[in-house]
Structures are given as C-alpha cells and as structure tokens.
Amino acid sequence: KSLITGAQDTLDIYAQQFPADSELLEPIKAQARKGVKVRIVANKVGFDQAVADALQPLGVQIELDPSAPTNDGRSMYVHTKTMVADGDTERAVAYVGSINPFLRESLYTERELGVLVTDRPSIRRILDTFNRDFASGTAQP
C-alpha cells in the first residue's frame, strides 16, 4: 500500500485480477485525485467493471488483454504482479512478486513473496515491458 500512496508522479500497475472489493482501490483513487498519472494493464477476465467505473472518471488509463510478444495475434495472459511508482525519477521503486495485492486471500491466507526494486536499469527494463504491453492492449471502454 505504501508504494501506491508514496507515488508522486506516476503509478504503473499490472493487475492479474482486480475485484471491486480490493482494499487497494481507494488508495489508487486517492492518488489519481492528487494528479498521479495511473496506468493499468490487466486481463479482461478478472478485472471488475466496477473498478473501471470508479477509476476512469479520475483519469486512470486501463488497457486490457495486451497482445502476446510472439506477434501471433493472441492476447497475453497477465500473470505478473508488478507495480512501478515514479518510474522515470530518482525515487523510482518497483514491486515484483507473487503476491496479488488486489486479492485478500493472496495477502492473508497464501504463502507469497515480493521484493522492492530500486535499481534504475532494472526498473527501466520493467517500464519498457510495461509500455510495450500498455500500447498493445485494448482500452477499457
């Protein structure tokens, strides 16, 4: 949660699933209201329309089902659980791990792990991949 609330400029999120009852919905809304540019890449299946309805009026951009990097016309399944805050700044930090921070069971009843990354070249690689996937997704209507 602190990665989200600490973002000052940008917040890029991969969401395998994002249900409407996620405890991270309100912090993301608060950041968008403050002017943080929030972008989400997600799977259409598992991304609750109520989440889109709550976030899009605040300027959050949502792209679903990015194309697979194999260029064979298939969609890629987003399985990563990754977030990058302020990626193009000196204070950039990324979360990478198996914890799906949007699902209560992943946070409280499953054995998961994650790391925070501050290494600039690593964050650049994560952002380059995110930007490619964001550009190849379908905008959430």
N, C-alpha and C. Protein backbone atom coordinates (compact mmCIF):
# COMPACT_ATOMS: atom_id res chain seq x y z
N LYS A 1 0.82 -1.20 0.00
CA LYS A 1 0.00 0.00 0.00
C LYS A 1 0.86 1.26 0.00
N SER A 2 1.99 1.24 0.72
CA SER A 2 2.84 2.43 0.80
C SER A 2 3.48 2.77 -0.54
N LEU A 3 3.69 1.77 -1.39
CA LEU A 3 4.21 2.06 -2.72
C LEU A 3 3.19 2.91 -3.49
N ILE A 4 1.93 2.58 -3.36
CA ILE A 4 0.86 3.34 -4.03
C ILE A 4 0.75 4.74 -3.43
N THR A 5 0.65 4.82 -2.14
CA THR A 5 0.45 6.13 -1.51
C THR A 5 1.69 7.02 -1.58
N GLY A 6 2.85 6.42 -1.82
CA GLY A 6 4.07 7.20 -1.94
C GLY A 6 4.35 7.73 -3.34
N ALA A 7 3.61 7.25 -4.33
CA ALA A 7 3.82 7.72 -5.70
C ALA A 7 3.49 9.21 -5.80
N GLN A 8 4.37 9.96 -6.46
CA GLN A 8 4.16 11.39 -6.60
C GLN A 8 3.82 11.81 -8.02
N ASP A 9 4.33 11.06 -9.00
CA ASP A 9 4.11 11.44 -10.40
C ASP A 9 3.37 10.38 -11.20
N THR A 10 3.86 9.14 -11.14
CA THR A 10 3.28 8.07 -11.94
C THR A 10 3.13 6.79 -11.12
N LEU A 11 2.18 5.98 -11.54
CA LEU A 11 1.97 4.67 -10.94
C LEU A 11 1.52 3.73 -12.04
N ASP A 12 2.37 2.76 -12.38
CA ASP A 12 2.07 1.78 -13.43
C ASP A 12 1.83 0.44 -12.77
N ILE A 13 0.70 -0.19 -13.12
CA ILE A 13 0.25 -1.39 -12.41
C ILE A 13 -0.09 -2.49 -13.39
N TYR A 14 0.44 -3.68 -13.15
CA TYR A 14 -0.05 -4.90 -13.79
C TYR A 14 -1.02 -5.54 -12.81
N ALA A 15 -2.22 -5.88 -13.27
CA ALA A 15 -3.21 -6.49 -12.40
C ALA A 15 -3.72 -7.78 -13.01
N GLN A 16 -3.31 -8.89 -12.43
CA GLN A 16 -3.82 -10.18 -12.90
C GLN A 16 -5.34 -10.22 -12.67
N GLN A 17 -5.75 -9.83 -11.48
CA GLN A 17 -7.16 -9.72 -11.11
C GLN A 17 -7.32 -8.45 -10.28
N PHE A 18 -8.48 -7.81 -10.40
CA PHE A 18 -8.73 -6.60 -9.63
C PHE A 18 -10.23 -6.56 -9.33
N PRO A 19 -10.64 -7.18 -8.21
CA PRO A 19 -12.05 -7.16 -7.83
C PRO A 19 -12.46 -5.83 -7.20
N ALA A 20 -13.73 -5.53 -7.23
CA ALA A 20 -14.24 -4.26 -6.71
C ALA A 20 -14.04 -4.11 -5.21
N ASP A 21 -13.91 -5.22 -4.48
CA ASP A 21 -13.74 -5.12 -3.03
C ASP A 21 -12.28 -5.04 -2.60
N SER A 22 -11.37 -4.83 -3.54
CA SER A 22 -9.95 -4.74 -3.21
C SER A 22 -9.68 -3.56 -2.29
N GLU A 23 -8.89 -3.80 -1.26
CA GLU A 23 -8.55 -2.72 -0.33
C GLU A 23 -7.60 -1.69 -0.95
N LEU A 24 -7.08 -1.96 -2.15
CA LEU A 24 -6.19 -1.00 -2.81
C LEU A 24 -6.92 -0.05 -3.74
N LEU A 25 -8.20 -0.27 -3.96
CA LEU A 25 -8.96 0.61 -4.84
C LEU A 25 -8.97 2.05 -4.32
N GLU A 26 -9.26 2.23 -3.06
CA GLU A 26 -9.34 3.60 -2.50
C GLU A 26 -8.00 4.32 -2.54
N PRO A 27 -6.87 3.68 -2.17
CA PRO A 27 -5.59 4.39 -2.29
C PRO A 27 -5.25 4.77 -3.73
N ILE A 28 -5.60 3.93 -4.69
CA ILE A 28 -5.34 4.28 -6.09
C ILE A 28 -6.22 5.46 -6.50
N LYS A 29 -7.47 5.45 -6.10
CA LYS A 29 -8.35 6.58 -6.40
C LYS A 29 -7.80 7.87 -5.79
N ALA A 30 -7.32 7.79 -4.56
CA ALA A 30 -6.78 8.98 -3.88
C ALA A 30 -5.57 9.53 -4.64
N GLN A 31 -4.70 8.64 -5.11
CA GLN A 31 -3.53 9.10 -5.86
C GLN A 31 -3.94 9.75 -7.18
N ALA A 32 -4.90 9.16 -7.86
CA ALA A 32 -5.37 9.75 -9.12
C ALA A 32 -5.97 11.13 -8.87
N ARG A 33 -6.70 11.29 -7.78
CA ARG A 33 -7.26 12.59 -7.43
C ARG A 33 -6.18 13.63 -7.18
N LYS A 34 -5.02 13.18 -6.67
CA LYS A 34 -3.89 14.09 -6.40
C LYS A 34 -3.13 14.45 -7.67
N GLY A 35 -3.48 13.81 -8.78
CA GLY A 35 -2.80 14.12 -10.03
C GLY A 35 -1.74 13.12 -10.45
N VAL A 36 -1.60 12.03 -9.70
CA VAL A 36 -0.66 10.98 -10.10
C VAL A 36 -1.23 10.30 -11.35
N LYS A 37 -0.40 10.16 -12.37
CA LYS A 37 -0.81 9.50 -13.60
C LYS A 37 -0.78 7.99 -13.37
N VAL A 38 -1.96 7.36 -13.38
CA VAL A 38 -2.08 5.93 -13.11
C VAL A 38 -2.44 5.20 -14.39
N ARG A 39 -1.66 4.15 -14.70
CA ARG A 39 -1.93 3.29 -15.85
C ARG A 39 -1.99 1.85 -15.36
N ILE A 40 -2.94 1.11 -15.92
CA ILE A 40 -3.12 -0.30 -15.52
C ILE A 40 -3.16 -1.17 -16.77
N VAL A 41 -2.42 -2.28 -16.72
CA VAL A 41 -2.51 -3.33 -17.73
C VAL A 41 -3.08 -4.54 -17.02
N ALA A 42 -4.16 -5.11 -17.58
CA ALA A 42 -4.84 -6.20 -16.89
C ALA A 42 -5.48 -7.17 -17.87
N ASN A 43 -5.94 -8.27 -17.31
CA ASN A 43 -6.74 -9.23 -18.06
C ASN A 43 -8.19 -8.80 -18.02
N LYS A 44 -8.88 -8.93 -19.13
CA LYS A 44 -10.31 -8.60 -19.14
C LYS A 44 -11.05 -9.49 -18.15
N VAL A 45 -10.72 -10.77 -18.17
CA VAL A 45 -11.30 -11.70 -17.21
C VAL A 45 -10.60 -11.44 -15.87
N GLY A 46 -11.33 -11.11 -14.87
CA GLY A 46 -10.74 -10.84 -13.56
C GLY A 46 -10.66 -9.36 -13.22
N PHE A 47 -10.91 -8.50 -14.20
CA PHE A 47 -10.90 -7.06 -13.94
C PHE A 47 -12.35 -6.60 -13.84
N ASP A 48 -12.77 -6.27 -12.65
CA ASP A 48 -14.17 -5.93 -12.37
C ASP A 48 -14.55 -4.60 -13.04
N GLN A 49 -15.63 -4.59 -13.76
CA GLN A 49 -16.10 -3.37 -14.42
C GLN A 49 -16.34 -2.25 -13.42
N ALA A 50 -16.74 -2.58 -12.21
CA ALA A 50 -16.95 -1.55 -11.19
C ALA A 50 -15.64 -0.82 -10.86
N VAL A 51 -14.52 -1.51 -10.97
CA VAL A 51 -13.21 -0.87 -10.74
C VAL A 51 -12.96 0.16 -11.84
N ALA A 52 -13.20 -0.24 -13.09
CA ALA A 52 -13.03 0.70 -14.21
C ALA A 52 -13.96 1.89 -14.04
N ASP A 53 -15.20 1.65 -13.65
CA ASP A 53 -16.17 2.73 -13.47
C ASP A 53 -15.74 3.70 -12.37
N ALA A 54 -15.01 3.20 -11.37
CA ALA A 54 -14.54 4.07 -10.29
C ALA A 54 -13.26 4.82 -10.67
N LEU A 55 -12.41 4.21 -11.48
CA LEU A 55 -11.11 4.80 -11.77
C LEU A 55 -11.06 5.69 -13.01
N GLN A 56 -11.76 5.31 -14.06
CA GLN A 56 -11.65 6.06 -15.31
C GLN A 56 -12.10 7.51 -15.20
N PRO A 57 -13.15 7.83 -14.44
CA PRO A 57 -13.50 9.25 -14.31
C PRO A 57 -12.41 10.09 -13.64
N LEU A 58 -11.47 9.42 -12.97
CA LEU A 58 -10.36 10.11 -12.31
C LEU A 58 -9.14 10.21 -13.22
N GLY A 59 -9.27 9.74 -14.46
CA GLY A 59 -8.18 9.83 -15.42
C GLY A 59 -7.29 8.61 -15.50
N VAL A 60 -7.62 7.56 -14.76
CA VAL A 60 -6.82 6.34 -14.80
C VAL A 60 -7.02 5.67 -16.15
N GLN A 61 -5.90 5.30 -16.79
CA GLN A 61 -5.95 4.64 -18.08
C GLN A 61 -5.82 3.13 -17.86
N ILE A 62 -6.73 2.38 -18.50
CA ILE A 62 -6.77 0.93 -18.32
C ILE A 62 -6.72 0.27 -19.68
N GLU A 63 -5.75 -0.62 -19.86
CA GLU A 63 -5.60 -1.40 -21.09
C GLU A 63 -5.72 -2.87 -20.74
N LEU A 64 -6.56 -3.57 -21.49
CA LEU A 64 -6.83 -4.98 -21.20
C LEU A 64 -6.26 -5.88 -22.28
N ASP A 65 -5.93 -7.11 -21.87
CA ASP A 65 -5.52 -8.17 -22.78
C ASP A 65 -4.47 -7.72 -23.79
N PRO A 66 -3.28 -7.35 -23.32
CA PRO A 66 -2.23 -6.96 -24.27
C PRO A 66 -1.89 -8.11 -25.21
N SER A 67 -1.37 -7.75 -26.37
CA SER A 67 -1.02 -8.80 -27.33
C SER A 67 0.24 -9.53 -26.85
N ALA A 68 0.29 -10.80 -27.17
CA ALA A 68 1.45 -11.62 -26.80
C ALA A 68 2.68 -11.13 -27.57
N PRO A 69 3.84 -11.16 -26.94
CA PRO A 69 5.05 -10.70 -27.62
C PRO A 69 5.48 -11.62 -28.77
N THR A 70 4.78 -12.73 -28.95
CA THR A 70 5.10 -13.65 -30.06
C THR A 70 4.57 -13.15 -31.39
N ASN A 71 3.80 -12.06 -31.37
CA ASN A 71 3.23 -11.45 -32.59
C ASN A 71 2.41 -12.43 -33.42
N ASP A 72 1.73 -13.34 -32.76
CA ASP A 72 0.89 -14.29 -33.49
C ASP A 72 -0.60 -13.96 -33.38
N GLY A 73 -0.91 -12.75 -32.91
CA GLY A 73 -2.30 -12.31 -32.84
C GLY A 73 -3.02 -12.71 -31.56
N ARG A 74 -2.37 -13.47 -30.70
CA ARG A 74 -3.02 -13.88 -29.46
C ARG A 74 -2.84 -12.83 -28.38
N SER A 75 -3.76 -12.83 -27.43
CA SER A 75 -3.60 -11.99 -26.25
C SER A 75 -2.69 -12.69 -25.25
N MET A 76 -2.01 -11.90 -24.47
CA MET A 76 -1.14 -12.43 -23.43
C MET A 76 -1.92 -12.44 -22.12
N TYR A 77 -1.76 -13.48 -21.34
CA TYR A 77 -2.35 -13.52 -20.01
C TYR A 77 -1.42 -12.80 -19.05
N VAL A 78 -1.93 -11.78 -18.36
CA VAL A 78 -1.14 -11.03 -17.39
C VAL A 78 -1.12 -11.84 -16.10
N HIS A 79 0.03 -12.39 -15.78
CA HIS A 79 0.18 -13.16 -14.55
C HIS A 79 1.09 -12.44 -13.56
N THR A 80 1.88 -11.50 -14.04
CA THR A 80 2.80 -10.78 -13.16
C THR A 80 2.02 -9.92 -12.16
N LYS A 81 2.61 -9.75 -11.02
CA LYS A 81 2.09 -8.84 -10.01
C LYS A 81 3.17 -7.79 -9.80
N THR A 82 3.08 -6.72 -10.56
CA THR A 82 4.14 -5.72 -10.59
C THR A 82 3.53 -4.31 -10.55
N MET A 83 4.18 -3.43 -9.80
CA MET A 83 3.82 -2.01 -9.77
C MET A 83 5.09 -1.19 -9.79
N VAL A 84 5.05 -0.07 -10.48
CA VAL A 84 6.19 0.84 -10.51
C VAL A 84 5.69 2.24 -10.14
N ALA A 85 6.30 2.81 -9.12
CA ALA A 85 5.97 4.17 -8.71
C ALA A 85 7.08 5.11 -9.15
N ASP A 86 6.68 6.19 -9.79
CA ASP A 86 7.62 7.25 -10.19
C ASP A 86 8.80 6.69 -10.99
N GLY A 87 8.50 5.85 -11.96
CA GLY A 87 9.50 5.10 -12.69
C GLY A 87 10.56 5.89 -13.40
N ASP A 88 10.28 7.10 -13.83
CA ASP A 88 11.27 7.89 -14.56
C ASP A 88 11.94 8.95 -13.68
N THR A 89 11.96 8.69 -12.38
CA THR A 89 12.58 9.64 -11.46
C THR A 89 13.66 8.95 -10.62
N GLU A 90 14.40 9.72 -9.87
CA GLU A 90 15.43 9.18 -8.98
C GLU A 90 14.82 8.41 -7.80
N ARG A 91 13.56 8.66 -7.48
CA ARG A 91 12.92 7.99 -6.36
C ARG A 91 12.12 6.75 -6.81
N ALA A 92 12.36 6.29 -8.02
CA ALA A 92 11.62 5.15 -8.58
C ALA A 92 11.75 3.92 -7.71
N VAL A 93 10.64 3.21 -7.59
CA VAL A 93 10.62 1.93 -6.88
C VAL A 93 9.61 1.02 -7.57
N ALA A 94 9.96 -0.25 -7.66
CA ALA A 94 9.06 -1.23 -8.28
C ALA A 94 8.83 -2.37 -7.31
N TYR A 95 7.61 -2.88 -7.31
CA TYR A 95 7.29 -4.12 -6.59
C TYR A 95 7.19 -5.22 -7.63
N VAL A 96 7.86 -6.33 -7.39
CA VAL A 96 7.78 -7.51 -8.25
C VAL A 96 7.64 -8.71 -7.33
N GLY A 97 6.64 -9.53 -7.57
CA GLY A 97 6.49 -10.69 -6.72
C GLY A 97 5.30 -11.56 -7.09
N SER A 98 5.03 -12.52 -6.24
CA SER A 98 3.91 -13.42 -6.49
C SER A 98 2.64 -12.98 -5.77
N ILE A 99 2.76 -12.06 -4.84
CA ILE A 99 1.59 -11.58 -4.11
C ILE A 99 0.70 -10.77 -5.05
N ASN A 100 -0.56 -11.17 -5.17
CA ASN A 100 -1.51 -10.35 -5.90
C ASN A 100 -2.08 -9.37 -4.87
N PRO A 101 -1.62 -8.13 -4.86
CA PRO A 101 -2.02 -7.19 -3.81
C PRO A 101 -3.49 -6.79 -3.87
N PHE A 102 -4.18 -7.19 -4.93
CA PHE A 102 -5.59 -6.83 -5.07
C PHE A 102 -6.53 -7.90 -4.51
N LEU A 103 -5.98 -9.06 -4.14
CA LEU A 103 -6.80 -10.17 -3.63
C LEU A 103 -6.50 -10.41 -2.16
N ARG A 104 -7.53 -10.39 -1.33
CA ARG A 104 -7.35 -10.60 0.11
C ARG A 104 -6.67 -11.93 0.42
N GLU A 105 -7.09 -13.01 -0.27
CA GLU A 105 -6.51 -14.31 0.04
C GLU A 105 -5.02 -14.36 -0.26
N SER A 106 -4.58 -13.64 -1.27
CA SER A 106 -3.16 -13.60 -1.60
C SER A 106 -2.38 -12.87 -0.51
N LEU A 107 -3.01 -11.89 0.10
CA LEU A 107 -2.36 -11.12 1.16
C LEU A 107 -2.37 -11.82 2.51
N TYR A 108 -3.45 -12.55 2.81
CA TYR A 108 -3.63 -13.03 4.18
C TYR A 108 -3.66 -14.53 4.37
N THR A 109 -3.89 -15.32 3.33
CA THR A 109 -4.02 -16.77 3.56
C THR A 109 -3.14 -17.63 2.67
N GLU A 110 -2.32 -17.02 1.85
CA GLU A 110 -1.42 -17.78 0.99
C GLU A 110 0.02 -17.39 1.28
N ARG A 111 0.93 -18.32 1.04
CA ARG A 111 2.35 -18.02 1.22
C ARG A 111 2.87 -17.44 -0.08
N GLU A 112 3.13 -16.16 -0.08
CA GLU A 112 3.58 -15.43 -1.27
C GLU A 112 4.81 -14.62 -0.90
N LEU A 113 5.46 -14.06 -1.90
CA LEU A 113 6.60 -13.20 -1.61
C LEU A 113 6.70 -12.10 -2.65
N GLY A 114 7.47 -11.09 -2.33
CA GLY A 114 7.69 -9.99 -3.25
C GLY A 114 8.89 -9.19 -2.81
N VAL A 115 9.45 -8.45 -3.75
CA VAL A 115 10.60 -7.60 -3.44
C VAL A 115 10.36 -6.20 -3.99
N LEU A 116 11.00 -5.24 -3.37
CA LEU A 116 11.00 -3.88 -3.88
C LEU A 116 12.33 -3.67 -4.58
N VAL A 117 12.27 -3.12 -5.77
CA VAL A 117 13.44 -2.91 -6.61
C VAL A 117 13.67 -1.42 -6.76
N THR A 118 14.92 -0.99 -6.54
CA THR A 118 15.26 0.42 -6.73
C THR A 118 16.38 0.60 -7.75
N ASP A 119 16.92 -0.48 -8.25
CA ASP A 119 17.98 -0.45 -9.25
C ASP A 119 17.43 0.15 -10.55
N ARG A 120 18.00 1.29 -10.96
CA ARG A 120 17.48 2.03 -12.12
C ARG A 120 17.46 1.20 -13.41
N PRO A 121 18.51 0.47 -13.78
CA PRO A 121 18.43 -0.33 -15.01
C PRO A 121 17.33 -1.39 -14.96
N SER A 122 17.13 -1.99 -13.80
CA SER A 122 16.07 -2.99 -13.67
C SER A 122 14.70 -2.35 -13.82
N ILE A 123 14.51 -1.21 -13.20
CA ILE A 123 13.23 -0.51 -13.32
C ILE A 123 13.00 -0.08 -14.77
N ARG A 124 14.05 0.36 -15.46
CA ARG A 124 13.90 0.74 -16.87
C ARG A 124 13.42 -0.45 -17.70
N ARG A 125 13.95 -1.63 -17.45
CA ARG A 125 13.52 -2.84 -18.18
C ARG A 125 12.05 -3.16 -17.89
N ILE A 126 11.66 -3.03 -16.63
CA ILE A 126 10.26 -3.27 -16.26
C ILE A 126 9.36 -2.27 -16.98
N LEU A 127 9.75 -1.00 -16.97
CA LEU A 127 8.94 0.05 -17.62
C LEU A 127 8.87 -0.14 -19.13
N ASP A 128 9.97 -0.53 -19.75
CA ASP A 128 9.96 -0.77 -21.19
C ASP A 128 8.96 -1.88 -21.53
N THR A 129 8.95 -2.93 -20.74
CA THR A 129 8.00 -4.03 -20.97
C THR A 129 6.57 -3.56 -20.71
N PHE A 130 6.37 -2.81 -19.62
CA PHE A 130 5.04 -2.28 -19.32
C PHE A 130 4.54 -1.39 -20.46
N ASN A 131 5.40 -0.50 -20.94
CA ASN A 131 4.99 0.41 -22.02
C ASN A 131 4.60 -0.36 -23.27
N ARG A 132 5.34 -1.41 -23.60
CA ARG A 132 5.01 -2.25 -24.75
C ARG A 132 3.64 -2.91 -24.56
N ASP A 133 3.42 -3.46 -23.37
CA ASP A 133 2.15 -4.14 -23.10
C ASP A 133 1.00 -3.14 -23.05
N PHE A 134 1.23 -1.99 -22.47
CA PHE A 134 0.18 -0.96 -22.40
C PHE A 134 -0.22 -0.53 -23.81
N ALA A 135 0.76 -0.34 -24.67
CA ALA A 135 0.49 0.11 -26.04
C ALA A 135 -0.23 -0.96 -26.87
N SER A 136 -0.08 -2.22 -26.50
CA SER A 136 -0.69 -3.29 -27.30
C SER A 136 -2.02 -3.78 -26.76
N GLY A 137 -2.47 -3.21 -25.62
CA GLY A 137 -3.74 -3.63 -25.04
C GLY A 137 -4.93 -2.97 -25.72
N THR A 138 -6.09 -3.35 -25.25
CA THR A 138 -7.34 -2.77 -25.72
C THR A 138 -7.87 -1.86 -24.61
N ALA A 139 -8.13 -0.61 -24.97
CA ALA A 139 -8.61 0.33 -23.97
C ALA A 139 -9.92 -0.15 -23.35
N GLN A 140 -9.99 -0.04 -22.03
CA GLN A 140 -11.20 -0.42 -21.29
C GLN A 140 -12.29 0.60 -21.66
N PRO A 141 -13.42 0.12 -22.17
CA PRO A 141 -14.48 1.07 -22.54
C PRO A 141 -15.12 1.73 -21.34
